[in-house]
Amino acid sequence: MSAALKWFKSSHSSPDGDQCVEVAHDGTQVHVRDSKVQDGPVLDLAPASWAELTGWVGK
């Protein structure tokens, strides 16, 4: 699954990328992973859950 997705980091990420998450969207779910462990676990969220999370984090 992870290989077929187009992953991206926030524009606010440091150039070193040492503490980042990557996000991908496949039209059904939003996928989140640790940028340092790209073959590791992936958190899959419904788009509404992702919107709620990012809205809460931004406060």
PDB file of N, CA and C in Angstrom:
ATOM      1  N   MET A   1       0.813  -1.186   0.000  1.00  0.00           N
ATOM      2  CA  MET A   1       0.000   0.000   0.000  1.00  0.00           C
ATOM      3  C   MET A   1       0.859   1.251   0.000  1.00  0.00           C
ATOM      4  N   SER A   2       1.840   1.368   0.876  1.00  0.00           N
ATOM      5  CA  SER A   2       2.625   2.579   1.030  1.00  0.00           C
ATOM      6  C   SER A   2       3.373   2.969  -0.231  1.00  0.00           C
ATOM      7  N   ALA A   3       3.815   2.001  -1.004  1.00  0.00           N
ATOM      8  CA  ALA A   3       4.609   2.305  -2.188  1.00  0.00           C
ATOM      9  C   ALA A   3       3.774   2.998  -3.267  1.00  0.00           C
ATOM     10  N   ALA A   4       2.498   2.699  -3.369  1.00  0.00           N
ATOM     11  CA  ALA A   4       1.654   3.266  -4.414  1.00  0.00           C
ATOM     12  C   ALA A   4       1.161   4.670  -4.076  1.00  0.00           C
ATOM     13  N   LEU A   5       1.260   5.089  -2.836  1.00  0.00           N
ATOM     14  CA  LEU A   5       0.779   6.393  -2.412  1.00  0.00           C
ATOM     15  C   LEU A   5       1.817   7.474  -2.663  1.00  0.00           C
ATOM     16  N   LYS A   6       1.351   8.698  -2.884  1.00  0.00           N
ATOM     17  CA  LYS A   6       2.261   9.846  -3.027  1.00  0.00           C
ATOM     18  C   LYS A   6       2.335  10.539  -1.666  1.00  0.00           C
ATOM     19  N   TRP A   7       3.444  10.339  -0.971  1.00  0.00           N
ATOM     20  CA  TRP A   7       3.641  10.865   0.368  1.00  0.00           C
ATOM     21  C   TRP A   7       4.229  12.266   0.303  1.00  0.00           C
ATOM     22  N   PHE A   8       3.847  13.119   1.266  1.00  0.00           N
ATOM     23  CA  PHE A   8       4.428  14.452   1.339  1.00  0.00           C
ATOM     24  C   PHE A   8       4.590  14.870   2.797  1.00  0.00           C
ATOM     25  N   LYS A   9       5.512  15.807   3.003  1.00  0.00           N
ATOM     26  CA  LYS A   9       5.766  16.383   4.331  1.00  0.00           C
ATOM     27  C   LYS A   9       5.232  17.808   4.346  1.00  0.00           C
ATOM     28  N   SER A  10       5.005  18.315   5.513  1.00  0.00           N
ATOM     29  CA  SER A  10       4.579  19.689   5.680  1.00  0.00           C
ATOM     30  C   SER A  10       5.646  20.646   5.169  1.00  0.00           C
ATOM     31  N   SER A  11       5.220  21.773   4.647  1.00  0.00           N
ATOM     32  CA  SER A  11       6.177  22.806   4.231  1.00  0.00           C
ATOM     33  C   SER A  11       6.877  23.411   5.440  1.00  0.00           C
ATOM     34  N   HIS A  12       6.367  23.149   6.635  1.00  0.00           N
ATOM     35  CA  HIS A  12       6.978  23.638   7.876  1.00  0.00           C
ATOM     36  C   HIS A  12       8.031  22.674   8.413  1.00  0.00           C
ATOM     37  N   SER A  13       8.246  21.554   7.757  1.00  0.00           N
ATOM     38  CA  SER A  13       9.234  20.580   8.202  1.00  0.00           C
ATOM     39  C   SER A  13      10.637  21.148   8.055  1.00  0.00           C
ATOM     40  N   SER A  14      11.515  20.723   8.941  1.00  0.00           N
ATOM     41  CA  SER A  14      12.905  21.173   8.845  1.00  0.00           C
ATOM     42  C   SER A  14      13.564  20.507   7.637  1.00  0.00           C
ATOM     43  N   PRO A  15      14.591  21.129   7.075  1.00  0.00           N
ATOM     44  CA  PRO A  15      15.270  20.524   5.932  1.00  0.00           C
ATOM     45  C   PRO A  15      15.850  19.142   6.243  1.00  0.00           C
ATOM     46  N   ASP A  16      16.231  18.922   7.512  1.00  0.00           N
ATOM     47  CA  ASP A  16      16.776  17.627   7.903  1.00  0.00           C
ATOM     48  C   ASP A  16      15.704  16.552   7.956  1.00  0.00           C
ATOM     49  N   GLY A  17      14.448  16.953   8.162  1.00  0.00           N
ATOM     50  CA  GLY A  17      13.358  15.998   8.245  1.00  0.00           C
ATOM     51  C   GLY A  17      13.477  15.039   9.407  1.00  0.00           C
ATOM     52  N   ASP A  18      14.100  15.518  10.504  1.00  0.00           N
ATOM     53  CA  ASP A  18      14.388  14.611  11.605  1.00  0.00           C
ATOM     54  C   ASP A  18      13.201  14.329  12.519  1.00  0.00           C
ATOM     55  N   GLN A  19      12.167  15.137  12.484  1.00  0.00           N
ATOM     56  CA  GLN A  19      11.000  14.890  13.337  1.00  0.00           C
ATOM     57  C   GLN A  19       9.738  15.231  12.555  1.00  0.00           C
ATOM     58  N   CYS A  20       9.485  14.471  11.517  1.00  0.00           N
ATOM     59  CA  CYS A  20       8.370  14.766  10.618  1.00  0.00           C
ATOM     60  C   CYS A  20       7.445  13.571  10.478  1.00  0.00           C
ATOM     61  N   VAL A  21       6.247  13.878  10.104  1.00  0.00           N
ATOM     62  CA  VAL A  21       5.335  12.839   9.639  1.00  0.00           C
ATOM     63  C   VAL A  21       5.096  13.097   8.165  1.00  0.00           C
ATOM     64  N   GLU A  22       4.743  12.060   7.463  1.00  0.00           N
ATOM     65  CA  GLU A  22       4.376  12.174   6.060  1.00  0.00           C
ATOM     66  C   GLU A  22       2.912  11.786   5.930  1.00  0.00           C
ATOM     67  N   VAL A  23       2.252  12.389   4.975  1.00  0.00           N
ATOM     68  CA  VAL A  23       0.823  12.185   4.781  1.00  0.00           C
ATOM     69  C   VAL A  23       0.565  11.851   3.313  1.00  0.00           C
ATOM     70  N   ALA A  24      -0.387  10.969   3.094  1.00  0.00           N
ATOM     71  CA  ALA A  24      -0.848  10.641   1.738  1.00  0.00           C
ATOM     72  C   ALA A  24      -2.361  10.496   1.773  1.00  0.00           C
ATOM     73  N   HIS A  25      -3.003  10.777   0.655  1.00  0.00           N
ATOM     74  CA  HIS A  25      -4.458  10.650   0.564  1.00  0.00           C
ATOM     75  C   HIS A  25      -4.777   9.835  -0.679  1.00  0.00           C
ATOM     76  N   ASP A  26      -5.621   8.850  -0.513  1.00  0.00           N
ATOM     77  CA  ASP A  26      -5.950   7.982  -1.657  1.00  0.00           C
ATOM     78  C   ASP A  26      -7.379   8.168  -2.157  1.00  0.00           C
ATOM     79  N   GLY A  27      -8.049   9.221  -1.705  1.00  0.00           N
ATOM     80  CA  GLY A  27      -9.423   9.462  -2.107  1.00  0.00           C
ATOM     81  C   GLY A  27     -10.432   8.883  -1.138  1.00  0.00           C
ATOM     82  N   THR A  28     -10.000   7.964  -0.295  1.00  0.00           N
ATOM     83  CA  THR A  28     -10.877   7.337   0.687  1.00  0.00           C
ATOM     84  C   THR A  28     -10.397   7.607   2.104  1.00  0.00           C
ATOM     85  N   GLN A  29      -9.090   7.502   2.318  1.00  0.00           N
ATOM     86  CA  GLN A  29      -8.505   7.675   3.642  1.00  0.00           C
ATOM     87  C   GLN A  29      -7.278   8.568   3.563  1.00  0.00           C
ATOM     88  N   VAL A  30      -6.932   9.132   4.726  1.00  0.00           N
ATOM     89  CA  VAL A  30      -5.687   9.871   4.878  1.00  0.00           C
ATOM     90  C   VAL A  30      -4.739   8.953   5.634  1.00  0.00           C
ATOM     91  N   HIS A  31      -3.543   8.780   5.102  1.00  0.00           N
ATOM     92  CA  HIS A  31      -2.550   7.880   5.680  1.00  0.00           C
ATOM     93  C   HIS A  31      -1.416   8.716   6.263  1.00  0.00           C
ATOM     94  N   VAL A  32      -0.965   8.356   7.463  1.00  0.00           N
ATOM     95  CA  VAL A  32       0.074   9.103   8.162  1.00  0.00           C
ATOM     96  C   VAL A  32       1.154   8.118   8.595  1.00  0.00           C
ATOM     97  N   ARG A  33       2.425   8.506   8.379  1.00  0.00           N
ATOM     98  CA  ARG A  33       3.533   7.651   8.803  1.00  0.00           C
ATOM     99  C   ARG A  33       4.691   8.516   9.302  1.00  0.00           C
ATOM    100  N   ASP A  34       5.598   7.900  10.012  1.00  0.00           N
ATOM    101  CA  ASP A  34       6.827   8.536  10.487  1.00  0.00           C
ATOM    102  C   ASP A  34       7.790   8.614   9.310  1.00  0.00           C
ATOM    103  N   SER A  35       8.297   9.799   9.027  1.00  0.00           N
ATOM    104  CA  SER A  35       9.177   9.954   7.867  1.00  0.00           C
ATOM    105  C   SER A  35      10.493   9.196   8.020  1.00  0.00           C
ATOM    106  N   LYS A  36      10.880   8.891   9.248  1.00  0.00           N
ATOM    107  CA  LYS A  36      12.137   8.167   9.471  1.00  0.00           C
ATOM    108  C   LYS A  36      11.966   6.660   9.330  1.00  0.00           C
ATOM    109  N   VAL A  37      10.724   6.174   9.389  1.00  0.00           N
ATOM    110  CA  VAL A  37      10.447   4.731   9.332  1.00  0.00           C
ATOM    111  C   VAL A  37       9.398   4.504   8.241  1.00  0.00           C
ATOM    112  N   GLN A  38       9.802   4.701   7.006  1.00  0.00           N
ATOM    113  CA  GLN A  38       8.851   4.656   5.903  1.00  0.00           C
ATOM    114  C   GLN A  38       8.249   3.281   5.668  1.00  0.00           C
ATOM    115  N   ASP A  39       8.905   2.236   6.111  1.00  0.00           N
ATOM    116  CA  ASP A  39       8.346   0.889   5.987  1.00  0.00           C
ATOM    117  C   ASP A  39       7.618   0.463   7.253  1.00  0.00           C
ATOM    118  N   GLY A  40       7.479   1.379   8.205  1.00  0.00           N
ATOM    119  CA  GLY A  40       6.842   1.080   9.482  1.00  0.00           C
ATOM    120  C   GLY A  40       5.330   1.186   9.409  1.00  0.00           C
ATOM    121  N   PRO A  41       4.702   1.233  10.562  1.00  0.00           N
ATOM    122  CA  PRO A  41       3.243   1.282  10.601  1.00  0.00           C
ATOM    123  C   PRO A  41       2.685   2.573  10.017  1.00  0.00           C
ATOM    124  N   VAL A  42       1.476   2.492   9.511  1.00  0.00           N
ATOM    125  CA  VAL A  42       0.768   3.627   8.928  1.00  0.00           C
ATOM    126  C   VAL A  42      -0.557   3.787   9.654  1.00  0.00           C
ATOM    127  N   LEU A  43      -0.849   5.011  10.045  1.00  0.00           N
ATOM    128  CA  LEU A  43      -2.133   5.338  10.671  1.00  0.00           C
ATOM    129  C   LEU A  43      -3.081   5.749   9.554  1.00  0.00           C
ATOM    130  N   ASP A  44      -4.213   5.060   9.428  1.00  0.00           N
ATOM    131  CA  ASP A  44      -5.210   5.356   8.401  1.00  0.00           C
ATOM    132  C   ASP A  44      -6.403   6.038   9.057  1.00  0.00           C
ATOM    133  N   LEU A  45      -6.757   7.207   8.540  1.00  0.00           N
ATOM    134  CA  LEU A  45      -7.849   7.993   9.114  1.00  0.00           C
ATOM    135  C   LEU A  45      -8.881   8.341   8.050  1.00  0.00           C
ATOM    136  N   ALA A  46     -10.127   8.427   8.481  1.00  0.00           N
ATOM    137  CA  ALA A  46     -11.165   8.966   7.606  1.00  0.00           C
ATOM    138  C   ALA A  46     -10.870  10.457   7.422  1.00  0.00           C
ATOM    139  N   PRO A  47     -11.183  11.029   6.267  1.00  0.00           N
ATOM    140  CA  PRO A  47     -10.909  12.448   6.041  1.00  0.00           C
ATOM    141  C   PRO A  47     -11.503  13.361   7.127  1.00  0.00           C
ATOM    142  N   ALA A  48     -12.685  13.039   7.636  1.00  0.00           N
ATOM    143  CA  ALA A  48     -13.290  13.859   8.691  1.00  0.00           C
ATOM    144  C   ALA A  48     -12.463  13.792   9.977  1.00  0.00           C
ATOM    145  N   SER A  49     -11.916  12.628  10.285  1.00  0.00           N
ATOM    146  CA  SER A  49     -11.069  12.479  11.469  1.00  0.00           C
ATOM    147  C   SER A  49      -9.769  13.264  11.296  1.00  0.00           C
ATOM    148  N   TRP A  50      -9.192  13.229  10.105  1.00  0.00           N
ATOM    149  CA  TRP A  50      -7.972  13.999   9.824  1.00  0.00           C
ATOM    150  C   TRP A  50      -8.249  15.491   9.974  1.00  0.00           C
ATOM    151  N   ALA A  51      -9.372  15.953   9.452  1.00  0.00           N
ATOM    152  CA  ALA A  51      -9.725  17.374   9.559  1.00  0.00           C
ATOM    153  C   ALA A  51      -9.904  17.778  11.021  1.00  0.00           C
ATOM    154  N   GLU A  52     -10.527  16.919  11.807  1.00  0.00           N
ATOM    155  CA  GLU A  52     -10.702  17.222  13.221  1.00  0.00           C
ATOM    156  C   GLU A  52      -9.361  17.262  13.931  1.00  0.00           C
ATOM    157  N   LEU A  53      -8.486  16.312  13.638  1.00  0.00           N
ATOM    158  CA  LEU A  53      -7.159  16.266  14.263  1.00  0.00           C
ATOM    159  C   LEU A  53      -6.348  17.509  13.908  1.00  0.00           C
ATOM    160  N   THR A  54      -6.278  17.840  12.638  1.00  0.00           N
ATOM    161  CA  THR A  54      -5.477  18.998  12.234  1.00  0.00           C
ATOM    162  C   THR A  54      -6.085  20.302  12.736  1.00  0.00           C
ATOM    163  N   GLY A  55      -7.385  20.362  12.854  1.00  0.00           N
ATOM    164  CA  GLY A  55      -8.023  21.546  13.434  1.00  0.00           C
ATOM    165  C   GLY A  55      -7.687  21.693  14.903  1.00  0.00           C
ATOM    166  N   TRP A  56      -7.650  20.592  15.616  1.00  0.00           N
ATOM    167  CA  TRP A  56      -7.327  20.612  17.044  1.00  0.00           C
ATOM    168  C   TRP A  56      -5.849  20.952  17.266  1.00  0.00           C
ATOM    169  N   VAL A  57      -4.972  20.381  16.472  1.00  0.00           N
ATOM    170  CA  VAL A  57      -3.532  20.612  16.615  1.00  0.00           C
ATOM    171  C   VAL A  57      -3.204  22.067  16.306  1.00  0.00           C
ATOM    172  N   GLY A  58      -3.910  22.675  15.374  1.00  0.00           N
ATOM    173  CA  GLY A  58      -3.641  24.049  14.970  1.00  0.00           C
ATOM    174  C   GLY A  58      -4.050  25.100  15.971  1.00  0.00           C
ATOM    175  N   LYS A  59      -4.718  24.691  17.042  1.00  0.00           N
ATOM    176  CA  LYS A  59      -5.195  25.679  18.045  1.00  0.00           C
ATOM    177  C   LYS A  59      -4.132  26.038  19.027  1.00  0.00           C
TER     178      LYS A  59
END
